[in-house]
Amino acid sequence: MCGVFGIINGPSISTDKYASYDVYRALLTLQHRGQDAAGILSFDSKENQFYSHKELGLVNEIFKPNHFDLLKGEMAIGHTRYATTGSDSSNDVQPLVTGFPIGVGMAHNGNIVNYHRLREVVRTEHRRQLLTNNDLEIFLSFWCRTLMEEQSGGDEFTFTHAVKAAEKIFESTIGAYSIVGLLAGEGLFGLRDPNGIRPLLLGKKGEGNDISYALSSETNALEFLGYEVVRNIAPGEFIFINRDCEIQSYHFQNPENQIKPCMFEWIYFSAVESTIENRPVYGARRSLGERLSVKVRNLMGAGEISPDIVCPVPDTSRSSAIALAESLNLTYRECLIKNRYVQRSFILKTQEDREKAVRLKLSPVRSEIQGKSILLVDDSVVRGTTSKRIVHLLKEAGAKEVILAITCPPIRYGCFYGVDFPRKEDLVAYNKSLEQIQESIEVDKVIYLDEEDLSKALNLPSMCRACIDGKYPTSVEDANEFCERRNELK
């Protein structure tokens, strides 16, 4: 999972107001989507030049005030990286840029399932040497090859040429992606995969010639910068905004595609203040807690559990935990205090890193824990090792009992769309009964939200929940190769 953002300023906005600084501010609000690396690419039409700065690390560590004097131009894109393919090398940090046949830079959020198959196509048919292990380079290669074919007669660039390039991406790549890009001297563009698995939104600020447009992974970044949220980019849509801030759009139609936004956006990844697919994340998380409370109430009524307090695993599950406690008329307490200078443990790259981060990230409030039966609310359990560490932490602090209530059904299948658990064998719930999961986590009891309640809580026409039910919205024919060979790219 990554964060993407792009801006284009209208012709009347001062050329001294570089778009890159606003992209930087947006990336700060999208830091939760990726903490491995970040980058900004800008384009200055006066100088007909791209400018770039990107590094490994956090946004506020990478960019210093002097960088924005160098990142010139009226349009810019940025990226916060959470690596699911590629290596830790700075070579794989986005955005990526190429100069032929027309200068283009891109950044994306998602994964290409048929990545290895397309790498061979790029090498053999495109006759292009790949310079990175990042799947974004596949998008760039297909885009540039198509433009080269369309402009072979020396034609000037047109929107139709861009549509052909976008069509080639839609037709060739299988997976999930939201792309933002810059075309040298032409404008800002965005693409969203035909299933709409990853989010992308359009924002607008100002009027007339003083207008700016932005593309973003989440609404929180747009609203922070004062942009009106105009709409979601539709699944299978290519949108282009030229230098005069005129918008053109093309919708790729494929009757086999189903609109399937990823459920994890509401459960974990998106900022709680964001709205994804017109569904506020905060409200969705409260609804998840309320739905789960019905199941907890039944267990309490049957005498199976008798919790003294409700405690969230900070921060994502807090909204759900509060709603659950209110519904059950139970005392709510913050028993785990988060160190805000430690990365989100789920999106750390290795299990060893995740385990170390739990102890560093969370400190127990012993006075609220000792001698109590704690109903611990978490958004999801993936591998189970982090949950196990948290249970141990509470028990060591004197908890009499820990009951783990999870606002997501058991995750039993791998994800190939940009969340870093492609191997089902790594999942704590894979091929296990509820009792076996409890034993693995070493918790007194586990309570999962049911699939039906998940659907009712999120209240979406449809969603991707393949990690729960194994029903993938795209072909996963190449998924085994994706899993087996991904370590080659690390």
Protein backbone atom coordinates (compact mmCIF):
# COMPACT_ATOMS: atom_id res chain seq x y z
CA MET A 1 0.00 0.00 0.00
CA CYS A 2 1.36 3.44 -0.95
CA GLY A 3 0.21 7.03 -1.07
CA VAL A 4 0.13 9.10 -4.28
CA PHE A 5 -0.59 12.76 -4.88
CA GLY A 6 -0.36 15.12 -7.86
CA ILE A 7 -1.01 18.83 -8.48
CA ILE A 8 -1.25 21.09 -11.52
CA ASN A 9 -1.55 24.86 -11.07
CA GLY A 10 -3.47 27.01 -13.56
CA PRO A 11 -1.71 29.52 -15.86
CA SER A 12 -2.54 32.58 -13.73
CA ILE A 13 -1.07 31.18 -10.53
CA SER A 14 2.31 32.74 -9.82
CA THR A 15 5.17 30.78 -11.33
CA ASP A 16 7.03 31.37 -8.05
CA LYS A 17 4.45 29.15 -6.33
CA TYR A 18 5.93 25.76 -7.03
CA ALA A 19 3.55 22.81 -6.89
CA SER A 20 6.15 20.65 -5.17
CA TYR A 21 5.74 22.27 -1.75
CA ASP A 22 2.03 21.47 -1.65
CA VAL A 23 2.79 17.92 -2.76
CA TYR A 24 5.23 17.66 0.16
CA ARG A 25 2.54 18.83 2.58
CA ALA A 26 0.13 16.29 1.11
CA LEU A 27 2.67 13.49 1.53
CA LEU A 28 2.93 14.32 5.23
CA THR A 29 -0.78 13.52 5.54
CA LEU A 30 -0.32 10.31 3.51
CA GLN A 31 2.69 9.07 5.48
CA HIS A 32 0.57 6.34 7.09
CA ARG A 33 0.25 4.65 3.69
CA GLY A 34 3.98 4.01 3.34
CA GLN A 35 7.07 4.60 5.45
CA ASP A 36 9.87 2.97 3.45
CA ALA A 37 10.63 5.91 1.17
CA ALA A 38 9.21 9.02 -0.46
CA GLY A 39 9.79 11.15 -3.52
CA ILE A 40 8.61 14.17 -5.49
CA LEU A 41 8.89 14.83 -9.23
CA SER A 42 8.08 18.26 -10.67
CA PHE A 43 8.01 19.79 -14.14
CA ASP A 44 8.72 23.40 -15.06
CA SER A 45 7.24 24.32 -18.44
CA LYS A 46 9.27 27.55 -18.67
CA GLU A 47 12.50 25.59 -18.52
CA ASN A 48 11.03 22.42 -20.10
CA GLN A 49 12.67 20.41 -17.35
CA PHE A 50 11.86 17.68 -14.82
CA TYR A 51 13.20 17.97 -11.27
CA SER A 52 13.27 15.14 -8.75
CA HIS A 53 14.21 14.34 -5.19
CA LYS A 54 13.60 10.98 -3.52
CA GLU A 55 15.19 8.92 -0.78
CA LEU A 56 14.62 6.10 1.66
CA GLY A 57 12.99 7.24 4.90
CA LEU A 58 10.11 9.36 6.16
CA VAL A 59 8.79 12.44 4.37
CA ASN A 60 9.93 14.99 6.97
CA GLU A 61 13.41 13.44 7.03
CA ILE A 62 13.86 13.45 3.26
CA PHE A 63 12.74 16.96 2.30
CA LYS A 64 14.39 20.12 3.61
CA PRO A 65 13.48 23.76 2.77
CA ASN A 66 16.20 24.09 0.13
CA HIS A 67 14.78 21.17 -1.86
CA PHE A 68 11.69 23.18 -2.79
CA ASP A 69 13.80 25.86 -4.46
CA LEU A 70 15.09 23.11 -6.74
CA LEU A 71 11.79 21.26 -7.33
CA LYS A 72 10.53 23.92 -9.71
CA GLY A 73 7.39 23.98 -11.77
CA GLU A 74 3.64 24.34 -11.96
CA MET A 75 2.95 20.62 -11.69
CA ALA A 76 4.30 17.87 -9.47
CA ILE A 77 3.59 14.35 -8.23
CA GLY A 78 4.65 12.60 -5.04
CA HIS A 79 4.73 9.15 -3.48
CA THR A 80 5.06 7.52 -0.06
CA ARG A 81 6.32 3.97 -0.45
CA TYR A 82 5.32 0.75 1.23
CA ALA A 83 7.34 -1.88 -0.63
CA THR A 84 5.53 -5.03 -1.74
CA THR A 85 7.68 -5.55 -4.84
CA GLY A 86 11.16 -4.26 -5.45
CA SER A 87 14.02 -3.81 -3.03
CA ASP A 88 15.18 -1.41 -0.34
CA SER A 89 17.41 0.24 -2.93
CA SER A 90 16.92 3.93 -3.59
CA ASN A 91 16.80 2.88 -7.24
CA ASP A 92 13.29 1.52 -6.65
CA VAL A 93 11.95 4.67 -4.99
CA GLN A 94 9.16 6.46 -6.87
CA PRO A 95 8.30 8.56 -8.83
CA LEU A 96 10.08 7.16 -11.90
CA VAL A 97 10.70 9.24 -15.01
CA THR A 98 11.75 8.59 -18.59
CA GLY A 99 12.45 10.95 -21.49
CA PHE A 100 11.42 9.05 -24.63
CA PRO A 101 9.34 9.47 -26.78
CA ILE A 102 7.83 12.21 -24.61
CA GLY A 103 8.97 12.95 -21.09
CA VAL A 104 6.74 11.16 -18.59
CA GLY A 105 6.93 10.55 -14.85
CA MET A 106 4.70 8.28 -12.79
CA ALA A 107 3.96 7.13 -9.24
CA HIS A 108 1.54 4.38 -8.29
CA ASN A 109 -0.19 2.52 -5.47
CA GLY A 110 -0.84 -1.19 -5.97
CA ASN A 111 0.63 -4.36 -7.46
CA ILE A 112 0.77 -6.04 -10.86
CA VAL A 113 -0.13 -9.73 -10.44
CA ASN A 114 1.33 -10.71 -13.84
CA TYR A 115 4.48 -8.69 -13.17
CA HIS A 116 7.03 -11.40 -14.06
CA ARG A 117 5.25 -12.27 -17.30
CA LEU A 118 5.24 -8.58 -18.33
CA ARG A 119 8.92 -8.16 -17.41
CA GLU A 120 9.71 -10.71 -20.10
CA VAL A 121 7.47 -8.88 -22.58
CA VAL A 122 9.33 -5.63 -21.87
CA ARG A 123 12.71 -7.32 -22.32
CA THR A 124 11.92 -9.36 -25.42
CA GLU A 125 9.20 -7.49 -27.32
CA HIS A 126 9.89 -3.92 -26.20
CA ARG A 127 13.65 -4.62 -26.28
CA ARG A 128 14.07 -2.49 -23.22
CA GLN A 129 16.45 -3.11 -20.35
CA LEU A 130 14.68 -2.68 -17.01
CA LEU A 131 16.60 -0.49 -14.59
CA THR A 132 14.64 -1.23 -11.41
CA ASN A 133 12.72 -4.03 -9.70
CA ASN A 134 9.71 -1.76 -9.27
CA ASP A 135 6.53 -2.78 -11.11
CA LEU A 136 5.93 0.88 -11.95
CA GLU A 137 8.60 0.51 -14.64
CA ILE A 138 6.27 -1.94 -16.42
CA PHE A 139 3.58 0.76 -16.63
CA LEU A 140 6.14 3.24 -17.95
CA SER A 141 7.39 0.85 -20.61
CA PHE A 142 3.93 0.02 -21.96
CA TRP A 143 2.97 3.70 -21.90
CA CYS A 144 6.08 4.85 -23.76
CA ARG A 145 6.05 2.06 -26.34
CA THR A 146 2.43 2.81 -27.22
CA LEU A 147 3.09 6.55 -27.51
CA MET A 148 6.07 5.84 -29.74
CA GLU A 149 3.90 3.73 -32.05
CA GLU A 150 1.10 6.32 -32.08
CA GLN A 151 3.49 9.19 -32.85
CA SER A 152 5.66 7.29 -35.33
CA GLY A 153 4.72 9.73 -38.08
CA GLY A 154 6.01 12.68 -36.09
CA ASP A 155 2.54 13.77 -34.99
CA GLU A 156 2.18 16.25 -32.16
CA PHE A 157 0.96 14.79 -28.88
CA THR A 158 -2.83 14.61 -28.49
CA PHE A 159 -5.23 13.31 -25.86
CA THR A 160 -6.05 10.43 -28.22
CA HIS A 161 -2.42 9.31 -28.06
CA ALA A 162 -2.58 9.28 -24.27
CA VAL A 163 -5.83 7.30 -24.35
CA LYS A 164 -4.18 4.64 -26.51
CA ALA A 165 -1.33 4.37 -24.00
CA ALA A 166 -3.76 4.12 -21.09
CA GLU A 167 -5.78 1.47 -22.95
CA LYS A 168 -2.64 -0.60 -23.39
CA ILE A 169 -2.01 -0.50 -19.64
CA PHE A 170 -5.61 -1.43 -18.87
CA GLU A 171 -5.52 -4.33 -21.35
CA SER A 172 -2.10 -5.73 -20.44
CA THR A 173 -1.75 -5.44 -16.68
CA ILE A 174 -3.61 -7.57 -14.15
CA GLY A 175 -3.84 -6.30 -10.60
CA ALA A 176 -4.60 -3.19 -8.60
CA TYR A 177 -3.24 0.27 -9.29
CA SER A 178 -3.89 3.96 -8.98
CA ILE A 179 -1.39 5.99 -10.98
CA VAL A 180 -0.58 9.69 -11.04
CA GLY A 181 1.70 11.05 -13.74
CA LEU A 182 3.19 14.08 -15.47
CA LEU A 183 3.56 14.55 -19.22
CA ALA A 184 6.34 17.01 -20.04
CA GLY A 185 4.87 20.31 -21.15
CA GLU A 186 1.38 18.82 -21.38
CA GLY A 187 -0.22 18.17 -18.00
CA LEU A 188 -1.16 15.91 -15.10
CA PHE A 189 -2.90 12.55 -15.50
CA GLY A 190 -4.30 9.69 -13.46
CA LEU A 191 -5.39 6.09 -14.05
CA ARG A 192 -7.35 3.74 -11.82
CA ASP A 193 -7.50 -0.02 -12.32
CA PRO A 194 -10.70 -1.38 -13.93
CA ASN A 195 -11.83 -2.96 -10.65
CA GLY A 196 -11.22 0.18 -8.60
CA ILE A 197 -9.33 -1.81 -5.98
CA ARG A 198 -7.10 1.12 -5.03
CA PRO A 199 -8.57 4.59 -4.38
CA LEU A 200 -7.94 7.78 -6.36
CA LEU A 201 -9.77 11.09 -6.05
CA LEU A 202 -9.95 14.43 -7.87
CA GLY A 203 -9.77 17.73 -6.01
CA LYS A 204 -10.24 21.34 -7.13
CA LYS A 205 -9.22 24.70 -5.67
CA GLY A 206 -9.99 28.17 -7.00
CA GLU A 207 -11.86 29.32 -10.10
CA GLY A 208 -11.11 30.55 -13.62
CA ASN A 209 -7.44 30.97 -14.41
CA ASP A 210 -6.55 30.78 -10.71
CA ILE A 211 -7.61 27.16 -10.52
CA SER A 212 -5.59 24.16 -9.36
CA TYR A 213 -6.44 20.48 -9.62
CA ALA A 214 -5.09 17.61 -7.56
CA LEU A 215 -5.22 13.81 -7.58
CA SER A 216 -4.91 11.95 -4.29
CA SER A 217 -5.12 8.52 -2.66
CA GLU A 218 -7.28 9.97 0.11
CA THR A 219 -9.55 12.92 0.86
CA ASN A 220 -7.59 13.94 3.97
CA ALA A 221 -4.68 15.22 1.86
CA LEU A 222 -6.99 17.22 -0.42
CA GLU A 223 -8.89 18.78 2.47
CA PHE A 224 -5.69 19.63 4.34
CA LEU A 225 -4.57 21.72 1.35
CA GLY A 226 -7.96 23.41 0.95
CA TYR A 227 -9.12 21.45 -2.08
CA GLU A 228 -12.77 20.66 -2.67
CA VAL A 229 -13.21 16.93 -3.18
CA VAL A 230 -14.83 16.77 -6.63
CA ARG A 231 -15.26 13.02 -7.11
CA ASN A 232 -13.68 9.59 -7.16
CA ILE A 233 -11.77 8.67 -10.28
CA ALA A 234 -13.92 5.87 -11.67
CA PRO A 235 -12.63 2.31 -12.01
CA GLY A 236 -11.04 1.99 -15.44
CA GLU A 237 -10.85 5.77 -15.92
CA PHE A 238 -8.00 7.74 -17.46
CA ILE A 239 -8.14 11.44 -16.59
CA PHE A 240 -5.96 14.14 -18.15
CA ILE A 241 -5.66 17.77 -17.00
CA ASN A 242 -3.77 20.02 -19.40
CA ARG A 243 -1.72 23.15 -18.62
CA ASP A 244 -4.84 25.33 -18.95
CA CYS A 245 -6.52 23.09 -16.34
CA GLU A 246 -8.98 21.68 -18.85
CA ILE A 247 -10.09 18.14 -18.02
CA GLN A 248 -10.52 15.27 -20.45
CA SER A 249 -11.51 11.77 -19.41
CA TYR A 250 -11.76 8.31 -20.94
CA HIS A 251 -13.45 5.21 -19.45
CA PHE A 252 -12.09 1.80 -20.35
CA GLN A 253 -15.05 -0.57 -20.62
CA ASN A 254 -14.71 -4.26 -19.88
CA PRO A 255 -17.93 -6.15 -19.05
CA GLU A 256 -15.97 -8.82 -17.15
CA ASN A 257 -14.71 -6.34 -14.58
CA GLN A 258 -16.44 -5.83 -11.25
CA ILE A 259 -16.03 -2.74 -9.07
CA LYS A 260 -14.25 -4.09 -6.00
CA PRO A 261 -12.62 -1.50 -3.69
CA CYS A 262 -10.36 -3.11 -1.08
CA MET A 263 -12.05 -3.54 2.31
CA PHE A 264 -8.70 -2.92 4.05
CA GLU A 265 -8.94 0.77 3.16
CA TRP A 266 -11.69 1.17 5.79
CA ILE A 267 -10.44 -1.45 8.23
CA TYR A 268 -6.81 -0.35 8.46
CA PHE A 269 -5.02 1.63 5.78
CA SER A 270 -6.88 4.90 5.26
CA ALA A 271 -6.70 7.81 7.68
CA VAL A 272 -9.70 7.85 10.00
CA GLU A 273 -10.68 11.35 8.82
CA SER A 274 -10.75 10.32 5.13
CA THR A 275 -13.74 9.35 3.01
CA ILE A 276 -13.20 6.49 0.55
CA GLU A 277 -15.79 5.68 -2.13
CA ASN A 278 -18.15 8.15 -0.43
CA ARG A 279 -18.02 6.10 2.80
CA PRO A 280 -16.43 7.97 5.75
CA VAL A 281 -13.71 5.83 7.34
CA TYR A 282 -14.58 7.00 10.86
CA GLY A 283 -18.23 6.03 10.46
CA ALA A 284 -17.29 2.68 8.93
CA ARG A 285 -15.00 1.84 11.85
CA ARG A 286 -17.65 2.79 14.39
CA SER A 287 -20.13 0.60 12.55
CA LEU A 288 -17.66 -2.30 12.64
CA GLY A 289 -17.45 -1.93 16.42
CA GLU A 290 -21.21 -1.73 16.80
CA ARG A 291 -21.73 -4.86 14.70
CA LEU A 292 -19.10 -6.77 16.66
CA SER A 293 -20.71 -5.71 19.95
CA VAL A 294 -23.79 -7.84 19.15
CA LYS A 295 -21.63 -10.96 19.04
CA VAL A 296 -19.81 -9.95 22.23
CA ARG A 297 -23.12 -9.26 24.00
CA ASN A 298 -24.37 -12.75 23.17
CA LEU A 299 -21.21 -14.32 24.61
CA MET A 300 -21.55 -12.19 27.75
CA GLY A 301 -25.19 -13.23 28.08
CA ALA A 302 -24.20 -16.88 27.79
CA GLY A 303 -21.67 -16.40 30.58
CA GLU A 304 -18.72 -17.28 28.32
CA ILE A 305 -16.93 -13.96 28.92
CA SER A 306 -17.17 -11.19 31.50
CA PRO A 307 -14.86 -8.32 30.51
CA ASP A 308 -14.16 -5.48 32.93
CA ILE A 309 -12.91 -2.94 30.39
CA VAL A 310 -12.61 -2.36 26.64
CA CYS A 311 -9.17 -1.41 25.33
CA PRO A 312 -8.11 -0.64 21.72
CA VAL A 313 -4.87 -1.55 20.01
CA PRO A 314 -3.92 2.02 18.99
CA ASP A 315 -4.53 3.74 16.75
CA THR A 316 -6.64 2.24 13.98
CA SER A 317 -9.06 0.29 16.16
CA ARG A 318 -9.86 3.17 18.55
CA SER A 319 -13.07 4.27 16.76
CA SER A 320 -14.36 0.69 16.74
CA ALA A 321 -13.43 0.09 20.38
CA ILE A 322 -15.24 3.22 21.57
CA ALA A 323 -18.38 2.27 19.62
CA LEU A 324 -18.25 -1.28 20.99
CA ALA A 325 -17.83 -0.07 24.59
CA GLU A 326 -20.73 2.38 24.20
CA SER A 327 -22.98 -0.33 22.76
CA LEU A 328 -22.20 -2.71 25.64
CA ASN A 329 -22.17 -0.02 28.35
CA LEU A 330 -18.68 -1.17 29.32
CA THR A 331 -15.86 1.00 30.66
CA TYR A 332 -13.46 2.18 27.94
CA ARG A 333 -9.79 2.59 28.82
CA GLU A 334 -6.57 3.33 26.96
CA CYS A 335 -4.39 0.54 28.35
CA LEU A 336 -1.74 0.72 25.64
CA ILE A 337 0.02 4.00 24.91
CA LYS A 338 1.59 4.39 21.51
CA ASN A 339 5.03 5.84 20.87
CA ARG A 340 4.26 8.06 17.87
CA TYR A 341 7.84 8.01 16.64
CA VAL A 342 7.71 4.32 15.74
CA GLN A 343 6.45 3.10 12.36
CA ARG A 344 3.18 1.23 11.92
CA SER A 345 4.19 -2.32 12.78
CA PHE A 346 2.05 -4.11 10.17
CA ILE A 347 3.77 -2.40 7.25
CA LEU A 348 7.30 -3.00 8.45
CA LYS A 349 9.11 -5.25 5.99
CA THR A 350 10.08 -8.30 8.07
CA GLN A 351 8.44 -10.26 10.85
CA GLU A 352 11.47 -9.64 13.05
CA ASP A 353 11.06 -5.88 12.55
CA ARG A 354 7.35 -6.12 13.39
CA GLU A 355 7.99 -8.07 16.60
CA LYS A 356 10.65 -5.63 17.81
CA ALA A 357 8.39 -2.70 16.99
CA VAL A 358 5.54 -3.93 19.21
CA ARG A 359 7.56 -3.59 22.42
CA LEU A 360 8.98 -0.25 21.33
CA LYS A 361 5.68 1.06 19.98
CA LEU A 362 3.31 0.16 22.84
CA SER A 363 3.66 0.81 26.56
CA PRO A 364 1.15 -0.74 29.01
CA VAL A 365 -0.69 1.38 31.59
CA ARG A 366 -0.33 -1.05 34.50
CA SER A 367 -2.74 0.76 36.81
CA GLU A 368 -5.59 0.14 34.34
CA ILE A 369 -4.58 -3.43 33.52
CA GLN A 370 -3.77 -5.21 36.78
CA GLY A 371 -6.30 -7.83 37.83
CA LYS A 372 -8.76 -7.06 35.04
CA SER A 373 -10.39 -9.04 32.26
CA ILE A 374 -9.60 -6.98 29.16
CA LEU A 375 -11.61 -6.96 25.96
CA LEU A 376 -8.86 -5.99 23.52
CA VAL A 377 -10.17 -4.61 20.21
CA ASP A 378 -8.01 -4.81 17.08
CA ASP A 379 -8.82 -4.03 13.45
CA SER A 380 -7.43 -7.28 12.02
CA VAL A 381 -5.06 -10.16 12.68
CA VAL A 382 -2.85 -11.18 9.77
CA ARG A 383 0.19 -13.20 10.79
CA GLY A 384 -0.72 -13.26 14.47
CA THR A 385 2.76 -12.63 15.86
CA THR A 386 2.08 -8.98 16.67
CA SER A 387 -1.18 -9.91 18.43
CA LYS A 388 0.64 -12.58 20.42
CA ARG A 389 3.21 -10.03 21.60
CA ILE A 390 0.49 -7.61 22.65
CA VAL A 391 -1.32 -10.32 24.61
CA HIS A 392 1.95 -11.17 26.39
CA LEU A 393 2.49 -7.47 27.12
CA LEU A 394 -0.91 -7.18 28.81
CA LYS A 395 -0.46 -10.41 30.76
CA GLU A 396 2.98 -9.29 31.97
CA ALA A 397 1.37 -6.03 33.12
CA GLY A 398 -1.05 -8.01 35.30
CA ALA A 399 -4.11 -8.67 33.13
CA LYS A 400 -6.24 -11.49 34.56
CA GLU A 401 -7.61 -12.37 31.11
CA VAL A 402 -7.32 -11.08 27.54
CA ILE A 403 -10.22 -11.49 25.11
CA LEU A 404 -9.31 -10.44 21.56
CA ALA A 405 -12.20 -8.93 19.56
CA ILE A 406 -11.37 -8.34 15.89
CA THR A 407 -13.38 -6.04 13.61
CA CYS A 408 -12.54 -8.14 10.54
CA PRO A 409 -13.33 -11.77 9.69
CA PRO A 410 -10.42 -14.29 9.66
CA ILE A 411 -7.88 -13.57 6.91
CA ARG A 412 -7.22 -16.93 5.27
CA TYR A 413 -6.01 -16.06 1.75
CA GLY A 414 -3.10 -14.06 0.37
CA CYS A 415 -3.36 -10.58 -1.14
CA PHE A 416 -1.74 -9.83 -4.51
CA TYR A 417 -3.04 -6.28 -4.80
CA GLY A 418 -0.65 -4.22 -2.70
CA VAL A 419 -1.04 -5.49 0.87
CA ASP A 420 2.03 -7.38 1.99
CA PHE A 421 0.75 -10.89 2.72
CA PRO A 422 0.71 -12.81 -0.59
CA ARG A 423 1.49 -16.22 0.97
CA LYS A 424 -1.55 -17.77 2.66
CA GLU A 425 0.75 -20.13 4.56
CA ASP A 426 2.02 -17.12 6.55
CA LEU A 427 -1.47 -16.26 7.85
CA VAL A 428 -2.43 -17.26 11.37
CA ALA A 429 -5.98 -18.17 10.30
CA TYR A 430 -4.99 -20.21 7.25
CA ASN A 431 -6.38 -23.74 7.54
CA LYS A 432 -7.00 -23.31 11.29
CA SER A 433 -10.05 -23.58 13.53
CA LEU A 434 -10.94 -20.81 15.99
CA GLU A 435 -9.47 -22.86 18.83
CA GLN A 436 -6.20 -23.34 16.92
CA ILE A 437 -5.99 -19.60 16.24
CA GLN A 438 -6.46 -18.90 19.95
CA GLU A 439 -3.64 -21.33 20.76
CA SER A 440 -1.33 -19.71 18.19
CA ILE A 441 -1.91 -16.22 19.59
CA GLU A 442 -1.92 -17.53 23.19
CA VAL A 443 -5.02 -15.51 24.03
CA ASP A 444 -7.90 -16.58 26.27
CA LYS A 445 -10.53 -16.09 23.58
CA VAL A 446 -10.78 -14.73 20.03
CA ILE A 447 -13.97 -13.15 18.67
CA TYR A 448 -14.09 -12.35 14.94
CA LEU A 449 -16.61 -10.19 13.11
CA ASP A 450 -18.74 -12.26 10.73
CA GLU A 451 -18.59 -11.72 6.95
CA GLU A 452 -22.24 -10.66 6.81
CA ASP A 453 -21.67 -8.02 9.49
CA LEU A 454 -18.59 -6.76 7.62
CA SER A 455 -20.73 -6.16 4.54
CA LYS A 456 -23.43 -4.40 6.56
CA ALA A 457 -20.92 -2.25 8.44
CA LEU A 458 -19.07 -1.02 5.36
CA ASN A 459 -22.34 -0.66 3.43
CA LEU A 460 -20.77 -0.81 -0.03
CA PRO A 461 -22.38 -2.17 -3.21
CA SER A 462 -19.41 -4.53 -3.52
CA MET A 463 -15.84 -4.82 -2.29
CA CYS A 464 -12.69 -6.91 -2.62
CA ARG A 465 -12.46 -9.24 0.34
CA ALA A 466 -10.53 -11.99 -1.40
CA CYS A 467 -8.23 -12.31 1.61
CA ILE A 468 -11.31 -13.54 3.52
CA ASP A 469 -13.28 -15.56 0.98
CA GLY A 470 -10.70 -16.37 -1.72
CA LYS A 471 -12.83 -14.79 -4.47
CA TYR A 472 -10.36 -12.63 -6.39
CA PRO A 473 -11.70 -9.91 -8.72
CA THR A 474 -8.96 -10.57 -11.31
CA SER A 475 -7.20 -13.61 -12.68
CA VAL A 476 -4.57 -14.88 -10.23
CA GLU A 477 -3.05 -17.36 -12.68
CA ASP A 478 0.36 -15.73 -12.19
CA ALA A 479 0.01 -15.38 -8.42
CA ASN A 480 2.13 -18.40 -7.52
CA GLU A 481 5.04 -17.09 -9.56
CA PHE A 482 4.50 -13.66 -7.98
CA CYS A 483 4.85 -15.23 -4.50
CA GLU A 484 7.75 -17.53 -5.34
CA ARG A 485 9.89 -14.93 -7.11
CA ARG A 486 9.18 -11.81 -5.06
CA ASN A 487 12.24 -12.44 -2.86
CA GLU A 488 14.40 -12.22 -6.01
CA LEU A 489 13.42 -8.56 -6.13
CA LYS A 490 14.25 -7.75 -2.50
